[in-house]
Protein backbone atom coordinates (compact mmCIF):
# COMPACT_ATOMS: atom_id res chain seq x y z
CA MET A 1 18.13 -9.42 -4.96
CA THR A 2 21.73 -8.95 -5.75
CA GLY A 3 23.74 -7.35 -8.39
CA SER A 4 22.13 -5.17 -10.97
CA LEU A 5 18.73 -6.91 -11.06
CA ARG A 6 16.33 -4.59 -9.57
CA VAL A 7 12.86 -5.74 -9.72
CA PRO A 8 10.54 -6.78 -6.78
CA THR A 9 10.58 -10.16 -5.70
CA VAL A 10 7.19 -11.98 -4.83
CA TRP A 11 7.06 -14.93 -2.75
CA VAL A 12 4.52 -17.28 -4.26
CA VAL A 13 3.35 -19.64 -1.44
CA ALA A 14 3.68 -23.27 -2.11
CA SER A 15 1.06 -26.00 -1.45
CA HIS A 16 1.77 -29.58 -0.33
CA ARG A 17 -0.39 -32.39 -2.02
CA LEU A 18 -0.80 -36.04 -1.88
CA LEU A 19 -0.26 -37.03 -5.57
CA THR A 20 0.18 -40.27 -7.48
CA ASN A 21 3.77 -40.82 -8.72
CA PRO A 22 4.56 -42.31 -12.38
CA SER A 23 4.71 -45.91 -10.44
CA GLY A 24 1.12 -45.54 -9.21
CA HIS A 25 2.11 -44.72 -5.41
CA THR A 26 0.56 -41.73 -3.51
CA GLN A 27 3.38 -39.71 -2.04
CA LEU A 28 3.57 -35.92 -0.88
CA TYR A 29 4.70 -33.22 -3.28
CA THR A 30 5.25 -29.68 -2.96
CA VAL A 31 3.63 -27.49 -5.90
CA MET A 32 3.50 -23.89 -6.78
CA ASP A 33 0.55 -22.02 -8.43
CA GLU A 34 1.64 -21.79 -12.00
CA GLY A 35 -0.96 -19.15 -13.15
CA GLY A 36 0.30 -16.90 -10.29
CA GLN A 37 3.97 -17.15 -10.91
CA ARG A 38 3.74 -16.87 -14.68
CA THR A 39 1.52 -13.58 -14.33
CA MET A 40 4.32 -12.37 -11.89
CA LEU A 41 6.83 -12.81 -14.43
CA ASN A 42 4.90 -11.50 -17.13
CA MET A 43 4.07 -8.38 -15.37
CA GLY A 44 7.78 -7.75 -14.70
CA LEU A 45 7.99 -8.92 -11.18
CA GLN A 46 10.18 -11.89 -10.19
CA PRO A 47 8.39 -14.73 -8.50
CA MET A 48 10.32 -16.80 -6.14
CA CYS A 49 9.41 -19.61 -3.39
CA TYR A 50 10.59 -21.22 -0.35
CA PRO A 51 9.10 -24.59 -0.62
CA ARG A 52 9.31 -25.07 3.02
CA ALA A 53 9.88 -22.34 5.54
CA PRO A 54 10.05 -23.03 9.29
CA LEU A 55 8.01 -20.30 11.06
CA GLU A 56 10.89 -19.14 13.03
CA ARG A 57 12.73 -18.18 9.76
CA VAL A 58 9.95 -16.33 8.14
CA GLU A 59 10.33 -12.84 9.51
CA GLU A 60 14.02 -12.97 8.28
CA LEU A 61 13.31 -14.40 4.85
CA LEU A 62 10.77 -11.46 4.25
CA ALA A 63 13.53 -8.95 4.59
CA ASN A 64 14.25 -9.28 0.81
CA VAL A 65 10.40 -9.85 -0.31
CA ASP A 66 8.41 -7.32 -1.96
CA GLY A 67 5.26 -9.14 -2.32
CA ILE A 68 3.34 -12.04 -1.12
CA LEU A 69 0.98 -14.10 -3.36
CA LEU A 70 -1.31 -16.74 -2.06
CA GLY A 71 -2.72 -18.67 -4.94
CA GLY A 72 -5.47 -21.30 -5.25
CA SER A 73 -5.25 -25.01 -4.37
CA ASP A 74 -7.36 -28.27 -4.29
CA THR A 75 -6.90 -28.19 -0.52
CA ASN A 76 -8.80 -26.30 2.20
CA VAL A 77 -7.95 -24.21 4.95
CA HIS A 78 -8.57 -26.52 8.09
CA PRO A 79 -11.83 -25.46 10.03
CA ARG A 80 -10.16 -25.90 13.30
CA TYR A 81 -9.10 -22.37 12.88
CA TRP A 82 -12.71 -21.16 13.43
CA GLY A 83 -13.75 -23.87 15.90
CA GLU A 84 -15.39 -26.36 13.58
CA GLU A 85 -15.00 -29.93 12.51
CA PRO A 86 -14.47 -30.97 8.86
CA ALA A 87 -17.93 -30.95 7.13
CA ARG A 88 -17.21 -33.59 4.59
CA PRO A 89 -14.83 -36.77 4.61
CA GLU A 90 -13.37 -36.17 1.22
CA PHE A 91 -12.04 -32.85 2.10
CA GLN A 92 -8.27 -32.50 1.75
CA TYR A 93 -6.20 -30.08 3.91
CA ASP A 94 -2.58 -28.56 4.05
CA THR A 95 -1.96 -27.48 7.51
CA GLU A 96 1.63 -26.82 6.79
CA ARG A 97 0.37 -24.02 4.23
CA ASP A 98 -2.27 -22.93 6.78
CA GLU A 99 0.42 -21.97 9.28
CA LEU A 100 2.77 -20.45 6.99
CA ALA A 101 0.14 -18.51 5.09
CA HIS A 102 -1.20 -17.08 8.45
CA ALA A 103 2.15 -16.13 9.49
CA LEU A 104 2.90 -14.41 6.25
CA VAL A 105 -0.31 -12.63 6.08
CA ARG A 106 0.12 -10.94 9.61
CA LEU A 107 3.75 -10.10 8.82
CA GLY A 108 2.92 -8.64 5.58
CA ILE A 109 0.32 -6.22 7.05
CA ALA A 110 2.74 -5.38 9.87
CA ARG A 111 5.61 -4.65 7.66
CA ARG A 112 3.66 -3.20 4.63
CA ILE A 113 4.55 -5.98 2.37
CA PRO A 114 1.83 -6.38 -0.39
CA VAL A 115 -0.24 -9.50 0.06
CA ILE A 116 -2.72 -10.75 -2.63
CA GLY A 117 -4.86 -13.91 -2.35
CA PHE A 118 -6.71 -15.66 -4.97
CA CYS A 119 -9.46 -18.23 -4.19
CA ARG A 120 -7.95 -20.36 -1.44
CA GLY A 121 -5.50 -17.61 -0.90
CA SER A 122 -8.21 -15.29 -0.13
CA GLN A 123 -9.49 -17.78 2.57
CA ASP A 124 -5.91 -17.86 3.96
CA ILE A 125 -6.02 -14.24 4.58
CA ASN A 126 -9.61 -14.29 6.05
CA THR A 127 -8.76 -17.14 8.56
CA ALA A 128 -5.44 -15.68 9.41
CA LEU A 129 -7.25 -12.79 11.01
CA GLY A 130 -9.82 -14.65 12.72
CA GLY A 131 -12.67 -15.14 10.04
CA SER A 132 -14.46 -18.28 9.18
CA LEU A 133 -15.63 -19.90 6.01
CA HIS A 134 -18.68 -21.67 4.71
CA GLN A 135 -17.41 -25.28 4.17
CA TRP A 136 -19.73 -26.28 1.48
CA LEU A 137 -21.51 -23.57 -0.56
CA ARG A 138 -23.66 -26.25 -2.08
CA ASP A 139 -25.64 -26.77 1.35
CA LEU A 140 -26.54 -23.08 1.36
CA PRO A 141 -29.98 -22.09 0.10
CA ASP A 142 -30.28 -19.65 -2.86
CA MET A 143 -26.59 -19.71 -3.86
CA HIS A 144 -25.14 -19.30 -7.27
CA LYS A 145 -23.37 -22.00 -8.72
CA HIS A 146 -19.95 -21.04 -7.51
CA TRP A 147 -18.01 -24.10 -8.23
CA GLU A 148 -16.49 -25.54 -11.59
CA ASP A 149 -17.74 -28.44 -13.72
CA PRO A 150 -15.26 -31.28 -13.56
CA ASP A 151 -16.16 -32.34 -17.19
CA GLU A 152 -15.02 -28.67 -18.70
CA ASN A 153 -11.49 -28.17 -19.93
CA LEU A 154 -9.34 -25.75 -18.03
CA GLU A 155 -10.18 -22.56 -20.13
CA GLU A 156 -13.84 -23.43 -19.85
CA GLN A 157 -13.64 -23.51 -15.86
CA TYR A 158 -11.83 -20.08 -15.80
CA VAL A 159 -14.60 -18.22 -17.70
CA GLU A 160 -16.62 -15.72 -16.06
CA ARG A 161 -19.54 -17.32 -14.18
CA HIS A 162 -21.46 -14.44 -12.41
CA PHE A 163 -21.24 -10.74 -11.68
CA VAL A 164 -19.97 -9.01 -8.65
CA SER A 165 -20.88 -5.67 -7.28
CA CYS A 166 -18.40 -3.39 -5.77
CA THR A 167 -19.15 -1.40 -2.36
CA PRO A 168 -20.41 2.12 -3.82
CA ARG A 169 -17.32 4.72 -3.49
CA GLY A 170 -15.24 1.88 -2.32
CA ALA A 171 -11.43 1.08 -2.93
CA LEU A 172 -12.15 -1.77 -5.32
CA GLU A 173 -14.51 0.48 -7.34
CA ARG A 174 -11.77 3.23 -7.36
CA ILE A 175 -9.15 0.58 -8.58
CA THR A 176 -11.11 -1.11 -11.19
CA GLN A 177 -13.17 2.02 -12.44
CA MET A 178 -16.22 -0.28 -12.40
CA GLY A 179 -19.02 -0.77 -10.07
CA ARG A 180 -19.98 -4.06 -11.37
CA PHE A 181 -18.21 -6.75 -13.31
CA PRO A 182 -18.27 -10.40 -14.26
CA VAL A 183 -15.87 -12.92 -12.53
CA SER A 184 -14.67 -16.55 -12.60
CA SER A 185 -15.77 -19.07 -9.91
CA LEU A 186 -14.02 -22.33 -9.01
CA HIS A 187 -14.87 -22.73 -5.39
CA SER A 188 -16.99 -24.75 -3.00
CA GLN A 189 -16.03 -22.78 0.17
CA GLY A 190 -16.48 -19.03 0.66
CA ALA A 191 -16.15 -16.39 3.33
CA ASN A 192 -18.57 -16.52 6.20
CA ARG A 193 -17.50 -13.92 8.87
CA LEU A 194 -14.71 -11.69 7.81
CA GLY A 195 -11.48 -11.50 9.97
CA GLU A 196 -10.92 -8.61 12.29
CA GLY A 197 -9.77 -5.60 10.28
CA LEU A 198 -11.05 -6.79 6.93
CA VAL A 199 -13.57 -4.78 4.84
CA ALA A 200 -15.92 -6.17 2.16
CA GLU A 201 -15.48 -4.57 -1.20
CA ALA A 202 -17.39 -6.95 -3.65
CA ARG A 203 -20.31 -9.30 -3.13
CA ALA A 204 -21.98 -11.51 -5.65
CA ASP A 205 -25.65 -11.16 -6.10
CA ASP A 206 -26.39 -13.88 -3.71
CA GLY A 207 -24.55 -11.99 -1.05
CA LEU A 208 -21.21 -13.92 -0.96
CA VAL A 209 -18.45 -11.69 -0.08
CA GLU A 210 -16.05 -12.10 -3.32
CA ALA A 211 -13.33 -9.44 -2.46
CA PHE A 212 -12.25 -7.83 0.64
CA ARG A 213 -9.10 -5.86 1.91
CA TRP A 214 -7.20 -4.77 5.09
CA HIS A 215 -8.78 -1.69 6.59
CA ASP A 216 -5.77 0.50 6.43
CA GLU A 217 -4.79 1.06 2.84
CA GLU A 218 -1.30 1.86 3.55
CA SER A 219 -0.84 -1.99 3.93
CA PHE A 220 -1.98 -3.61 0.56
CA CYS A 221 -3.58 -6.80 1.51
CA TRP A 222 -6.56 -7.98 -0.64
CA GLY A 223 -8.26 -11.06 -0.96
CA PHE A 224 -10.29 -12.20 -4.21
CA GLN A 225 -12.47 -15.21 -4.31
CA PHE A 226 -12.25 -15.25 -8.08
CA HIS A 227 -8.97 -15.27 -10.22
CA PRO A 228 -7.77 -11.87 -11.55
CA GLU A 229 -4.48 -13.48 -12.37
CA TRP A 230 -6.36 -15.40 -15.17
CA GLY A 231 -7.46 -13.28 -18.09
CA TRP A 232 -5.74 -10.12 -16.68
CA ARG A 233 -4.32 -8.98 -20.02
CA TRP A 234 -7.94 -8.59 -21.50
CA HIS A 235 -10.27 -8.16 -18.57
CA PRO A 236 -10.29 -4.61 -17.51
CA ALA A 237 -11.08 -5.15 -13.95
CA TYR A 238 -8.64 -8.12 -13.47
CA GLY A 239 -5.96 -6.05 -15.22
CA ARG A 240 -6.39 -2.83 -12.98
CA ILE A 241 -6.45 -5.29 -9.83
CA MET A 242 -3.13 -6.96 -10.87
CA SER A 243 -1.61 -3.51 -11.74
CA ALA A 244 -2.38 -2.32 -8.38
CA PHE A 245 -0.47 -5.18 -6.71
CA GLU A 246 2.42 -4.68 -9.15
CA ARG A 247 2.65 -1.07 -7.94
CA ALA A 248 2.34 -1.75 -4.31
CA CYS A 249 5.29 -4.13 -4.97
CA TRP A 250 7.54 -1.59 -6.64
CA GLU A 251 6.69 0.91 -3.80
CA ARG A 252 7.62 -1.82 -1.45
CA LEU A 253 11.10 -2.29 -3.38
CA ALA A 254 11.71 1.52 -3.20
CA ARG A 255 11.11 1.67 0.40
CA ARG A 256 13.21 -1.41 1.12
CA THR A 257 16.38 -0.26 -0.84
CA GLU A 258 15.84 3.42 -0.19
CA GLN A 259 16.08 4.00 -3.83
CA ARG A 260 13.82 5.97 -5.97
CA PRO A 261 10.98 4.12 -7.55
CA VAL A 262 11.81 2.46 -10.98
CA ALA A 263 9.33 2.99 -13.87
CA LEU A 264 7.27 0.01 -14.15
CA GLN A 265 8.65 -2.70 -16.57
CA PRO A 266 6.53 -3.54 -19.65
CA VAL A 267 4.95 -6.80 -19.73
CA ALA A 268 7.55 -9.66 -20.84
CA ALA A 269 4.66 -11.85 -22.80
């Protein structure tokens, strides 16, 4: 940022969706995660987005970025990244996002730029590092209902559906100050094999990994299958997760600008 504005900038990664326009025709739109960007702003951070970023420009574009947010989307990570074919014909993909997200995850870790992923965003992180996904959780035996009901309204879809248990004495237990807490659940895919260097930090009671991180805590890189950006004001675990990302972004800004850390800004509301 230039001038007197000294707040961390967070790159909210865009998605590319085929949507119906007002004339009834299908066309490609570039969209941003509204919940994620609004939460960044309300926490005193500055969300920003490059709607499209050629991979050869990404490293330079990251020079003035203090955090990376990978939000949810109705699209899925393409299974070619772990050697599978699409499991169902109705799945929609966004390979442009896949490629950008994978580059951002790897560069974020290497440059110590904080990375956080929710839902599909956590799957971006996992597959960027060589992990794999369950393409259709409904086919697996003894699974909780991890997917939303399409007949519910938005607020109902984001309520807590099941509990997760943190790894005892792990980083997430330390951050949240809780060993077990309820989470939202709006996904039909989930982590299967974790990528190289990732550590599981929380699981659902059916065994599905719901939170993981990069093994070296010097590089803040966390994936959450649930949505801590929704309800972070009142859910104690969500609030502490988001505050940890916020602190990491301020620390990155201080390193990048070689200035002393600035006190955290209050919630803008």
